[in-house]
Every structure is written in C-alpha cells, then in structure tokens.
Amino acid sequence: MKDVELKLISELMKKSRRSDRELSKTLGISQPTVSRVIKRLKEEGVIKEETIIADFSKLGIELIAVTFGVWSPEKIKTIPERERIEKAKKFISEHPNVIFASSGRGLGKERMIITVHKDYADYNEFMKHARTEWAGLVELESFIISLKSDVAPFPFSLKSLGTYVEKMNR
C-alpha cells in the first residue's frame, strides 16, 4: 500500500467526518487526489464503512464482554465445518449486540466474539442462550469490561489504531 494511502486511512481512522479539502490540507496533497484515493479504497474494500464511535455508557450499555470459545474435540467431528459456520452466522445474526466475531488461536481458545450489554442480567441472558445453542459443542469463557469504571486509561476509539497505521510504515 502506498504511503499516501496509509496516511489517508490513518487520518480517516482518527476522525472520519472531515471534508476532502481538510484532508488534502492535512496530508499536503490535492483535494481531487484525496477524493480519487478514497473512492478507489472504497471500491477495493479497503475502506469498509465510515462511522462514529459513541460513548456506549451514555447509550445505556454498561458492559462489553469478550467471550472466547473452543470446540469440544469429541463433538466437533459430529457436525461438518460448513454446518458449524452456518450455525454460527445464524446465531450472530440473531444477536445484534455481537459487534465482532472471529476465529483465531490463543489462551487455548479458537473462537472469539465481542458483545455489548445493557447490564449484567442482559449479559447472563445472552450467555444462557449461547450455552444452550452450543451445548456440548463449544466451551465458553468471558472477560467482562465494565464501562462504568472510572479507572479506564482511555475510552474505546480507533484514534490509537490510526496512529499505529501511520507509524507502522515509517
């Protein structure tokens, strides 16, 4: 990826609600170049969406849960992978509080979802449904983050990720 593309993406991650003119001044390139690069990056799927990040706690969301799972070795063989994937997609589509889901490896786990919850009772209801839906197939464990805490070092934001993207290719 070209340097100008990374810088543009970095700036958009820090604050996406800026005009092409403002971005061109920040980056030291012409406004038509900014417009063309943004259009191309959207067409290529590099820029997936433009959004805001609200203060979740002010929206009535008290918890973020990062839930890790691992397939039960005995049961995984009983359901074909395609069927497991379709089942997972259906489960996620039925729960709009799932804000991210992925496979990976670490801590002895291979699946991860991030969910938001209005309170602990809401989290418990979600986990009850997850454990019922995936009974015997997946072992689940969560790390729960309280958004009521006043000791958080900084709020959820993509600004730091934008700065990282900017610095990673220097």
N, C-alpha and C. Protein backbone atom coordinates (compact mmCIF):
# COMPACT_ATOMS: atom_id res chain seq x y z
N MET A 1 0.84 -1.17 0.00
CA MET A 1 0.00 0.00 0.00
C MET A 1 0.89 1.24 0.00
N LYS A 2 0.52 2.21 -0.79
CA LYS A 2 1.30 3.43 -0.91
C LYS A 2 1.24 4.25 0.37
N ASP A 3 2.28 5.03 0.59
CA ASP A 3 2.40 5.87 1.78
C ASP A 3 1.21 6.82 1.90
N VAL A 4 0.81 7.44 0.80
CA VAL A 4 -0.29 8.41 0.84
C VAL A 4 -1.61 7.70 1.22
N GLU A 5 -1.78 6.46 0.79
CA GLU A 5 -2.99 5.71 1.14
C GLU A 5 -3.01 5.41 2.64
N LEU A 6 -1.88 4.98 3.18
CA LEU A 6 -1.81 4.69 4.61
C LEU A 6 -2.04 5.95 5.44
N LYS A 7 -1.45 7.06 5.01
CA LYS A 7 -1.65 8.32 5.74
C LYS A 7 -3.11 8.74 5.70
N LEU A 8 -3.75 8.59 4.54
CA LEU A 8 -5.16 8.94 4.41
C LEU A 8 -6.02 8.05 5.30
N ILE A 9 -5.79 6.77 5.27
CA ILE A 9 -6.55 5.85 6.12
C ILE A 9 -6.34 6.19 7.59
N SER A 10 -5.10 6.48 7.95
CA SER A 10 -4.79 6.85 9.32
C SER A 10 -5.59 8.08 9.74
N GLU A 11 -5.61 9.08 8.91
CA GLU A 11 -6.36 10.31 9.23
C GLU A 11 -7.85 10.04 9.33
N LEU A 12 -8.38 9.20 8.45
CA LEU A 12 -9.81 8.88 8.50
C LEU A 12 -10.15 8.08 9.75
N MET A 13 -9.24 7.21 10.20
CA MET A 13 -9.48 6.45 11.42
C MET A 13 -9.47 7.36 12.65
N LYS A 14 -8.68 8.40 12.58
CA LYS A 14 -8.62 9.33 13.71
C LYS A 14 -9.87 10.19 13.78
N LYS A 15 -10.40 10.57 12.61
CA LYS A 15 -11.60 11.41 12.55
C LYS A 15 -12.16 11.34 11.14
N SER A 16 -13.18 10.53 10.96
CA SER A 16 -13.69 10.26 9.61
C SER A 16 -14.60 11.36 9.07
N ARG A 17 -15.10 12.22 9.91
CA ARG A 17 -16.05 13.24 9.46
C ARG A 17 -15.32 14.52 9.05
N ARG A 18 -14.36 14.38 8.15
CA ARG A 18 -13.64 15.55 7.63
C ARG A 18 -13.85 15.63 6.13
N SER A 19 -13.85 16.82 5.64
CA SER A 19 -14.02 17.01 4.20
C SER A 19 -12.74 16.61 3.48
N ASP A 20 -12.89 16.31 2.20
CA ASP A 20 -11.72 16.01 1.37
C ASP A 20 -10.77 17.19 1.35
N ARG A 21 -11.32 18.39 1.40
CA ARG A 21 -10.49 19.61 1.41
C ARG A 21 -9.62 19.65 2.67
N GLU A 22 -10.23 19.38 3.82
CA GLU A 22 -9.48 19.38 5.08
C GLU A 22 -8.41 18.29 5.07
N LEU A 23 -8.77 17.11 4.56
CA LEU A 23 -7.81 16.02 4.48
C LEU A 23 -6.65 16.37 3.55
N SER A 24 -6.96 17.04 2.44
CA SER A 24 -5.90 17.41 1.50
C SER A 24 -4.91 18.37 2.14
N LYS A 25 -5.41 19.30 2.95
CA LYS A 25 -4.52 20.24 3.66
C LYS A 25 -3.65 19.49 4.67
N THR A 26 -4.26 18.57 5.42
CA THR A 26 -3.53 17.80 6.43
C THR A 26 -2.44 16.96 5.79
N LEU A 27 -2.74 16.35 4.66
CA LEU A 27 -1.80 15.42 4.01
C LEU A 27 -0.86 16.10 3.02
N GLY A 28 -1.17 17.33 2.65
CA GLY A 28 -0.32 18.03 1.69
C GLY A 28 -0.47 17.51 0.26
N ILE A 29 -1.67 17.05 -0.08
CA ILE A 29 -1.95 16.60 -1.46
C ILE A 29 -3.23 17.29 -1.94
N SER A 30 -3.50 17.22 -3.21
CA SER A 30 -4.65 17.92 -3.76
C SER A 30 -5.97 17.26 -3.33
N GLN A 31 -7.03 18.08 -3.31
CA GLN A 31 -8.35 17.57 -2.97
C GLN A 31 -8.82 16.51 -3.97
N PRO A 32 -8.64 16.71 -5.30
CA PRO A 32 -9.05 15.66 -6.24
C PRO A 32 -8.32 14.32 -6.00
N THR A 33 -7.05 14.40 -5.59
CA THR A 33 -6.31 13.17 -5.28
C THR A 33 -6.94 12.47 -4.09
N VAL A 34 -7.26 13.22 -3.04
CA VAL A 34 -7.91 12.65 -1.86
C VAL A 34 -9.22 11.97 -2.27
N SER A 35 -10.02 12.66 -3.05
CA SER A 35 -11.32 12.12 -3.49
C SER A 35 -11.14 10.83 -4.30
N ARG A 36 -10.18 10.84 -5.22
CA ARG A 36 -9.93 9.65 -6.05
C ARG A 36 -9.45 8.47 -5.20
N VAL A 37 -8.53 8.74 -4.29
CA VAL A 37 -7.98 7.66 -3.45
C VAL A 37 -9.07 7.08 -2.55
N ILE A 38 -9.89 7.92 -1.94
CA ILE A 38 -10.97 7.43 -1.09
C ILE A 38 -11.94 6.58 -1.91
N LYS A 39 -12.31 7.06 -3.09
CA LYS A 39 -13.23 6.31 -3.96
C LYS A 39 -12.65 4.94 -4.31
N ARG A 40 -11.38 4.92 -4.68
CA ARG A 40 -10.73 3.66 -5.05
C ARG A 40 -10.63 2.71 -3.86
N LEU A 41 -10.27 3.25 -2.69
CA LEU A 41 -10.14 2.41 -1.49
C LEU A 41 -11.50 1.82 -1.08
N LYS A 42 -12.57 2.57 -1.31
CA LYS A 42 -13.91 2.03 -1.04
C LYS A 42 -14.24 0.94 -2.04
N GLU A 43 -13.96 1.17 -3.31
CA GLU A 43 -14.24 0.17 -4.35
C GLU A 43 -13.45 -1.12 -4.12
N GLU A 44 -12.22 -0.99 -3.62
CA GLU A 44 -11.37 -2.15 -3.36
C GLU A 44 -11.70 -2.84 -2.03
N GLY A 45 -12.57 -2.22 -1.25
CA GLY A 45 -12.96 -2.81 0.03
C GLY A 45 -11.98 -2.54 1.16
N VAL A 46 -11.01 -1.66 0.92
CA VAL A 46 -10.07 -1.30 1.99
C VAL A 46 -10.81 -0.46 3.04
N ILE A 47 -11.60 0.50 2.58
CA ILE A 47 -12.47 1.27 3.46
C ILE A 47 -13.83 0.59 3.40
N LYS A 48 -14.21 -0.02 4.51
CA LYS A 48 -15.46 -0.79 4.54
C LYS A 48 -16.65 0.08 4.90
N GLU A 49 -16.46 1.05 5.80
CA GLU A 49 -17.55 1.93 6.20
C GLU A 49 -17.00 3.14 6.91
N GLU A 50 -17.81 4.16 6.95
CA GLU A 50 -17.47 5.36 7.71
C GLU A 50 -18.50 5.44 8.83
N THR A 51 -18.02 5.61 10.04
CA THR A 51 -18.94 5.58 11.17
C THR A 51 -18.43 6.45 12.31
N ILE A 52 -19.22 6.52 13.35
CA ILE A 52 -18.81 7.20 14.58
C ILE A 52 -18.67 6.14 15.66
N ILE A 53 -18.00 6.47 16.71
CA ILE A 53 -17.97 5.62 17.89
C ILE A 53 -18.56 6.44 19.02
N ALA A 54 -19.74 6.03 19.45
CA ALA A 54 -20.44 6.74 20.51
C ALA A 54 -19.91 6.32 21.87
N ASP A 55 -20.21 7.11 22.87
CA ASP A 55 -19.91 6.75 24.25
C ASP A 55 -20.95 5.71 24.65
N PHE A 56 -20.57 4.45 24.67
CA PHE A 56 -21.51 3.36 24.92
C PHE A 56 -22.28 3.54 26.23
N SER A 57 -21.58 4.00 27.27
CA SER A 57 -22.24 4.11 28.57
C SER A 57 -23.37 5.14 28.52
N LYS A 58 -23.24 6.17 27.70
CA LYS A 58 -24.30 7.17 27.58
C LYS A 58 -25.48 6.64 26.76
N LEU A 59 -25.29 5.51 26.09
CA LEU A 59 -26.36 4.88 25.34
C LEU A 59 -27.05 3.79 26.15
N GLY A 60 -26.62 3.64 27.40
CA GLY A 60 -27.23 2.63 28.26
C GLY A 60 -26.54 1.28 28.21
N ILE A 61 -25.34 1.24 27.66
CA ILE A 61 -24.57 -0.01 27.60
C ILE A 61 -23.55 0.04 28.72
N GLU A 62 -23.65 -0.92 29.64
CA GLU A 62 -22.76 -0.94 30.81
C GLU A 62 -21.59 -1.89 30.67
N LEU A 63 -21.72 -2.93 29.81
CA LEU A 63 -20.69 -3.95 29.74
C LEU A 63 -20.28 -4.26 28.31
N ILE A 64 -19.01 -4.57 28.16
CA ILE A 64 -18.50 -5.18 26.94
C ILE A 64 -17.95 -6.53 27.38
N ALA A 65 -18.33 -7.58 26.68
CA ALA A 65 -17.82 -8.92 27.01
C ALA A 65 -17.02 -9.45 25.84
N VAL A 66 -15.84 -9.94 26.14
CA VAL A 66 -15.01 -10.64 25.16
C VAL A 66 -15.10 -12.11 25.54
N THR A 67 -15.78 -12.88 24.70
CA THR A 67 -16.03 -14.28 25.02
C THR A 67 -15.22 -15.16 24.09
N PHE A 68 -14.49 -16.08 24.69
CA PHE A 68 -13.62 -17.00 23.96
C PHE A 68 -14.23 -18.39 23.99
N GLY A 69 -14.04 -19.12 22.91
CA GLY A 69 -14.57 -20.48 22.86
C GLY A 69 -13.61 -21.44 22.20
N VAL A 70 -13.81 -22.71 22.51
CA VAL A 70 -13.03 -23.78 21.87
C VAL A 70 -14.00 -24.91 21.60
N TRP A 71 -13.87 -25.50 20.41
CA TRP A 71 -14.72 -26.62 20.05
C TRP A 71 -14.39 -27.82 20.93
N SER A 72 -15.39 -28.54 21.34
CA SER A 72 -15.20 -29.78 22.08
C SER A 72 -14.63 -30.82 21.11
N PRO A 73 -13.45 -31.39 21.41
CA PRO A 73 -12.82 -32.33 20.48
C PRO A 73 -13.69 -33.54 20.14
N GLU A 74 -14.48 -34.00 21.11
CA GLU A 74 -15.32 -35.17 20.85
C GLU A 74 -16.50 -34.83 19.95
N LYS A 75 -17.05 -33.62 20.10
CA LYS A 75 -18.27 -33.25 19.39
C LYS A 75 -18.02 -32.61 18.03
N ILE A 76 -16.84 -32.03 17.84
CA ILE A 76 -16.56 -31.29 16.62
C ILE A 76 -16.69 -32.18 15.37
N LYS A 77 -16.39 -33.45 15.55
CA LYS A 77 -16.44 -34.39 14.42
C LYS A 77 -17.86 -34.73 14.01
N THR A 78 -18.83 -34.44 14.89
CA THR A 78 -20.23 -34.82 14.61
C THR A 78 -20.95 -33.83 13.71
N ILE A 79 -20.41 -32.60 13.56
CA ILE A 79 -21.05 -31.58 12.72
C ILE A 79 -20.04 -31.09 11.70
N PRO A 80 -20.36 -31.21 10.41
CA PRO A 80 -19.43 -30.73 9.37
C PRO A 80 -19.12 -29.24 9.54
N GLU A 81 -17.91 -28.84 9.13
CA GLU A 81 -17.47 -27.46 9.30
C GLU A 81 -18.44 -26.47 8.66
N ARG A 82 -18.91 -26.74 7.46
CA ARG A 82 -19.83 -25.82 6.77
C ARG A 82 -21.09 -25.60 7.62
N GLU A 83 -21.59 -26.66 8.22
CA GLU A 83 -22.78 -26.57 9.06
C GLU A 83 -22.50 -25.75 10.32
N ARG A 84 -21.32 -25.95 10.91
CA ARG A 84 -20.93 -25.15 12.10
C ARG A 84 -20.85 -23.67 11.75
N ILE A 85 -20.28 -23.36 10.59
CA ILE A 85 -20.13 -21.96 10.17
C ILE A 85 -21.51 -21.34 9.94
N GLU A 86 -22.39 -22.05 9.27
CA GLU A 86 -23.74 -21.53 9.04
C GLU A 86 -24.49 -21.33 10.35
N LYS A 87 -24.33 -22.25 11.27
CA LYS A 87 -24.97 -22.14 12.59
C LYS A 87 -24.43 -20.90 13.33
N ALA A 88 -23.13 -20.69 13.25
CA ALA A 88 -22.52 -19.52 13.90
C ALA A 88 -23.02 -18.22 13.27
N LYS A 89 -23.10 -18.18 11.94
CA LYS A 89 -23.60 -16.97 11.26
C LYS A 89 -25.04 -16.68 11.67
N LYS A 90 -25.85 -17.72 11.76
CA LYS A 90 -27.25 -17.55 12.15
C LYS A 90 -27.33 -17.02 13.58
N PHE A 91 -26.54 -17.61 14.48
CA PHE A 91 -26.53 -17.17 15.88
C PHE A 91 -26.16 -15.69 15.97
N ILE A 92 -25.11 -15.31 15.27
CA ILE A 92 -24.65 -13.92 15.30
C ILE A 92 -25.71 -12.98 14.72
N SER A 93 -26.34 -13.38 13.62
CA SER A 93 -27.36 -12.52 13.01
C SER A 93 -28.57 -12.32 13.93
N GLU A 94 -28.81 -13.27 14.82
CA GLU A 94 -29.93 -13.16 15.76
C GLU A 94 -29.59 -12.33 16.98
N HIS A 95 -28.33 -11.93 17.12
CA HIS A 95 -27.88 -11.16 18.29
C HIS A 95 -27.18 -9.88 17.82
N PRO A 96 -27.94 -8.79 17.69
CA PRO A 96 -27.33 -7.54 17.21
C PRO A 96 -26.33 -6.93 18.18
N ASN A 97 -26.25 -7.46 19.38
CA ASN A 97 -25.25 -6.97 20.33
C ASN A 97 -23.87 -7.56 20.09
N VAL A 98 -23.74 -8.49 19.13
CA VAL A 98 -22.42 -9.01 18.74
C VAL A 98 -21.80 -7.97 17.80
N ILE A 99 -20.70 -7.36 18.24
CA ILE A 99 -20.09 -6.32 17.42
C ILE A 99 -18.84 -6.81 16.67
N PHE A 100 -18.35 -8.01 17.04
CA PHE A 100 -17.21 -8.58 16.33
C PHE A 100 -17.17 -10.07 16.64
N ALA A 101 -16.83 -10.87 15.64
CA ALA A 101 -16.66 -12.31 15.84
C ALA A 101 -15.57 -12.79 14.90
N SER A 102 -14.75 -13.72 15.38
CA SER A 102 -13.65 -14.20 14.54
C SER A 102 -13.12 -15.53 15.07
N SER A 103 -12.36 -16.19 14.22
CA SER A 103 -11.60 -17.34 14.67
C SER A 103 -10.18 -16.87 14.92
N GLY A 104 -9.41 -17.67 15.63
CA GLY A 104 -8.03 -17.32 15.94
C GLY A 104 -7.46 -18.38 16.86
N ARG A 105 -6.36 -18.08 17.48
CA ARG A 105 -5.73 -19.01 18.41
C ARG A 105 -5.11 -18.23 19.56
N GLY A 106 -5.28 -18.77 20.74
CA GLY A 106 -4.65 -18.18 21.92
C GLY A 106 -5.41 -18.54 23.17
N LEU A 107 -4.69 -18.64 24.28
CA LEU A 107 -5.27 -18.97 25.58
C LEU A 107 -6.03 -20.29 25.54
N GLY A 108 -5.63 -21.16 24.62
CA GLY A 108 -6.30 -22.44 24.48
C GLY A 108 -7.66 -22.35 23.81
N LYS A 109 -7.95 -21.22 23.19
CA LYS A 109 -9.24 -20.99 22.54
C LYS A 109 -9.03 -20.76 21.05
N GLU A 110 -10.13 -20.89 20.30
CA GLU A 110 -10.02 -20.71 18.84
C GLU A 110 -11.16 -19.88 18.23
N ARG A 111 -12.06 -19.39 19.05
CA ARG A 111 -13.13 -18.51 18.60
C ARG A 111 -13.25 -17.36 19.58
N MET A 112 -13.74 -16.21 19.07
CA MET A 112 -13.89 -15.05 19.93
C MET A 112 -15.02 -14.18 19.42
N ILE A 113 -15.84 -13.69 20.33
CA ILE A 113 -16.85 -12.69 19.98
C ILE A 113 -16.78 -11.56 20.99
N ILE A 114 -17.08 -10.37 20.51
CA ILE A 114 -17.19 -9.21 21.39
C ILE A 114 -18.65 -8.78 21.36
N THR A 115 -19.23 -8.65 22.55
CA THR A 115 -20.63 -8.26 22.66
C THR A 115 -20.77 -7.08 23.61
N VAL A 116 -21.85 -6.33 23.42
CA VAL A 116 -22.17 -5.23 24.33
C VAL A 116 -23.48 -5.58 25.03
N HIS A 117 -23.61 -5.10 26.28
CA HIS A 117 -24.79 -5.45 27.09
C HIS A 117 -25.21 -4.27 27.94
N LYS A 118 -26.54 -4.13 28.10
CA LYS A 118 -27.05 -3.01 28.90
C LYS A 118 -26.74 -3.19 30.39
N ASP A 119 -26.63 -4.45 30.82
CA ASP A 119 -26.28 -4.71 32.22
C ASP A 119 -25.88 -6.18 32.35
N TYR A 120 -25.57 -6.58 33.59
CA TYR A 120 -25.11 -7.94 33.82
C TYR A 120 -26.21 -8.96 33.55
N ALA A 121 -27.46 -8.60 33.85
CA ALA A 121 -28.58 -9.52 33.58
C ALA A 121 -28.70 -9.78 32.08
N ASP A 122 -28.50 -8.74 31.27
CA ASP A 122 -28.54 -8.89 29.81
C ASP A 122 -27.40 -9.81 29.35
N TYR A 123 -26.22 -9.62 29.92
CA TYR A 123 -25.08 -10.48 29.60
C TYR A 123 -25.40 -11.93 29.96
N ASN A 124 -25.94 -12.15 31.16
CA ASN A 124 -26.28 -13.51 31.61
C ASN A 124 -27.30 -14.17 30.68
N GLU A 125 -28.28 -13.41 30.22
CA GLU A 125 -29.29 -13.95 29.31
C GLU A 125 -28.65 -14.34 27.97
N PHE A 126 -27.75 -13.49 27.48
CA PHE A 126 -27.04 -13.80 26.24
C PHE A 126 -26.23 -15.09 26.40
N MET A 127 -25.47 -15.19 27.49
CA MET A 127 -24.63 -16.38 27.71
C MET A 127 -25.48 -17.63 27.91
N LYS A 128 -26.63 -17.48 28.55
CA LYS A 128 -27.53 -18.62 28.72
C LYS A 128 -27.97 -19.13 27.35
N HIS A 129 -28.33 -18.20 26.47
CA HIS A 129 -28.74 -18.58 25.12
C HIS A 129 -27.56 -19.19 24.36
N ALA A 130 -26.37 -18.62 24.49
CA ALA A 130 -25.19 -19.14 23.79
C ALA A 130 -24.87 -20.56 24.28
N ARG A 131 -24.91 -20.75 25.57
CA ARG A 131 -24.58 -22.08 26.11
C ARG A 131 -25.64 -23.11 25.73
N THR A 132 -26.90 -22.68 25.64
CA THR A 132 -27.96 -23.59 25.20
C THR A 132 -27.77 -23.94 23.73
N GLU A 133 -27.54 -22.92 22.92
CA GLU A 133 -27.38 -23.11 21.47
C GLU A 133 -26.18 -23.99 21.14
N TRP A 134 -25.10 -23.82 21.89
CA TRP A 134 -23.85 -24.51 21.59
C TRP A 134 -23.54 -25.61 22.60
N ALA A 135 -24.55 -26.07 23.34
CA ALA A 135 -24.37 -27.06 24.40
C ALA A 135 -23.54 -28.25 23.93
N GLY A 136 -22.46 -28.50 24.66
CA GLY A 136 -21.60 -29.64 24.37
C GLY A 136 -20.65 -29.46 23.20
N LEU A 137 -20.90 -28.44 22.37
CA LEU A 137 -20.05 -28.24 21.19
C LEU A 137 -18.89 -27.28 21.46
N VAL A 138 -19.17 -26.25 22.25
CA VAL A 138 -18.17 -25.20 22.49
C VAL A 138 -18.09 -24.90 23.98
N GLU A 139 -16.87 -24.80 24.49
CA GLU A 139 -16.65 -24.35 25.86
C GLU A 139 -16.43 -22.85 25.79
N LEU A 140 -17.17 -22.06 26.58
CA LEU A 140 -17.12 -20.60 26.53
C LEU A 140 -16.60 -20.00 27.83
N GLU A 141 -15.79 -18.96 27.71
CA GLU A 141 -15.32 -18.17 28.85
C GLU A 141 -15.29 -16.71 28.44
N SER A 142 -15.64 -15.82 29.37
CA SER A 142 -15.71 -14.40 29.04
C SER A 142 -14.81 -13.54 29.93
N PHE A 143 -14.38 -12.45 29.35
CA PHE A 143 -13.74 -11.36 30.09
C PHE A 143 -14.72 -10.20 29.98
N ILE A 144 -15.19 -9.70 31.12
CA ILE A 144 -16.24 -8.67 31.12
C ILE A 144 -15.62 -7.33 31.50
N ILE A 145 -15.93 -6.33 30.70
CA ILE A 145 -15.41 -4.98 30.92
C ILE A 145 -16.57 -4.08 31.33
N SER A 146 -16.44 -3.45 32.49
CA SER A 146 -17.46 -2.51 32.94
C SER A 146 -17.16 -1.13 32.37
N LEU A 147 -18.15 -0.54 31.71
CA LEU A 147 -17.98 0.81 31.18
C LEU A 147 -18.30 1.86 32.22
N LYS A 148 -18.73 1.43 33.39
CA LYS A 148 -19.00 2.35 34.50
C LYS A 148 -17.72 2.70 35.23
N SER A 149 -16.67 1.94 34.99
CA SER A 149 -15.41 2.13 35.70
C SER A 149 -14.84 3.51 35.38
N ASP A 150 -14.35 4.17 36.41
CA ASP A 150 -13.72 5.47 36.19
C ASP A 150 -12.20 5.36 36.16
N VAL A 151 -11.70 4.12 36.10
CA VAL A 151 -10.25 3.93 36.08
C VAL A 151 -9.74 3.52 34.71
N ALA A 152 -10.61 3.50 33.71
CA ALA A 152 -10.17 3.13 32.36
C ALA A 152 -9.14 4.13 31.86
N PRO A 153 -8.04 3.65 31.25
CA PRO A 153 -7.00 4.56 30.80
C PRO A 153 -7.44 5.48 29.67
N PHE A 154 -8.29 4.98 28.79
CA PHE A 154 -8.88 5.82 27.74
C PHE A 154 -10.06 5.09 27.13
N PRO A 155 -11.02 5.85 26.60
CA PRO A 155 -12.23 5.22 26.06
C PRO A 155 -11.96 4.48 24.75
N PHE A 156 -12.89 3.59 24.39
CA PHE A 156 -12.80 2.86 23.14
C PHE A 156 -12.78 3.85 21.98
N SER A 157 -11.79 3.71 21.11
CA SER A 157 -11.64 4.62 19.98
C SER A 157 -10.71 3.97 18.97
N LEU A 158 -10.78 4.44 17.73
CA LEU A 158 -9.85 3.96 16.71
C LEU A 158 -8.71 4.95 16.47
N LYS A 159 -8.67 6.04 17.24
CA LYS A 159 -7.60 7.02 17.08
C LYS A 159 -6.23 6.39 17.26
N SER A 160 -6.09 5.57 18.30
CA SER A 160 -4.78 4.95 18.54
C SER A 160 -4.42 3.99 17.42
N LEU A 161 -5.41 3.30 16.85
CA LEU A 161 -5.15 2.41 15.72
C LEU A 161 -4.73 3.23 14.50
N GLY A 162 -5.36 4.38 14.30
CA GLY A 162 -4.96 5.27 13.20
C GLY A 162 -3.52 5.73 13.35
N THR A 163 -3.12 6.07 14.57
CA THR A 163 -1.74 6.47 14.82
C THR A 163 -0.79 5.32 14.56
N TYR A 164 -1.18 4.11 14.97
CA TYR A 164 -0.35 2.92 14.72
C TYR A 164 -0.17 2.69 13.22
N VAL A 165 -1.25 2.77 12.46
CA VAL A 165 -1.18 2.58 11.00
C VAL A 165 -0.23 3.61 10.38
N GLU A 166 -0.33 4.82 10.87
CA GLU A 166 0.53 5.90 10.36
C GLU A 166 2.00 5.61 10.63
N LYS A 167 2.31 5.09 11.82
CA LYS A 167 3.70 4.88 12.23
C LYS A 167 4.29 3.56 11.73
N MET A 168 3.45 2.58 11.40
CA MET A 168 3.98 1.25 11.10
C MET A 168 4.80 1.19 9.82
N ASN A 169 4.66 2.13 8.94
CA ASN A 169 5.41 2.11 7.69
C ASN A 169 6.42 3.24 7.57
N ARG A 170 6.83 3.77 8.70
CA ARG A 170 7.85 4.84 8.65
C ARG A 170 9.21 4.24 8.58
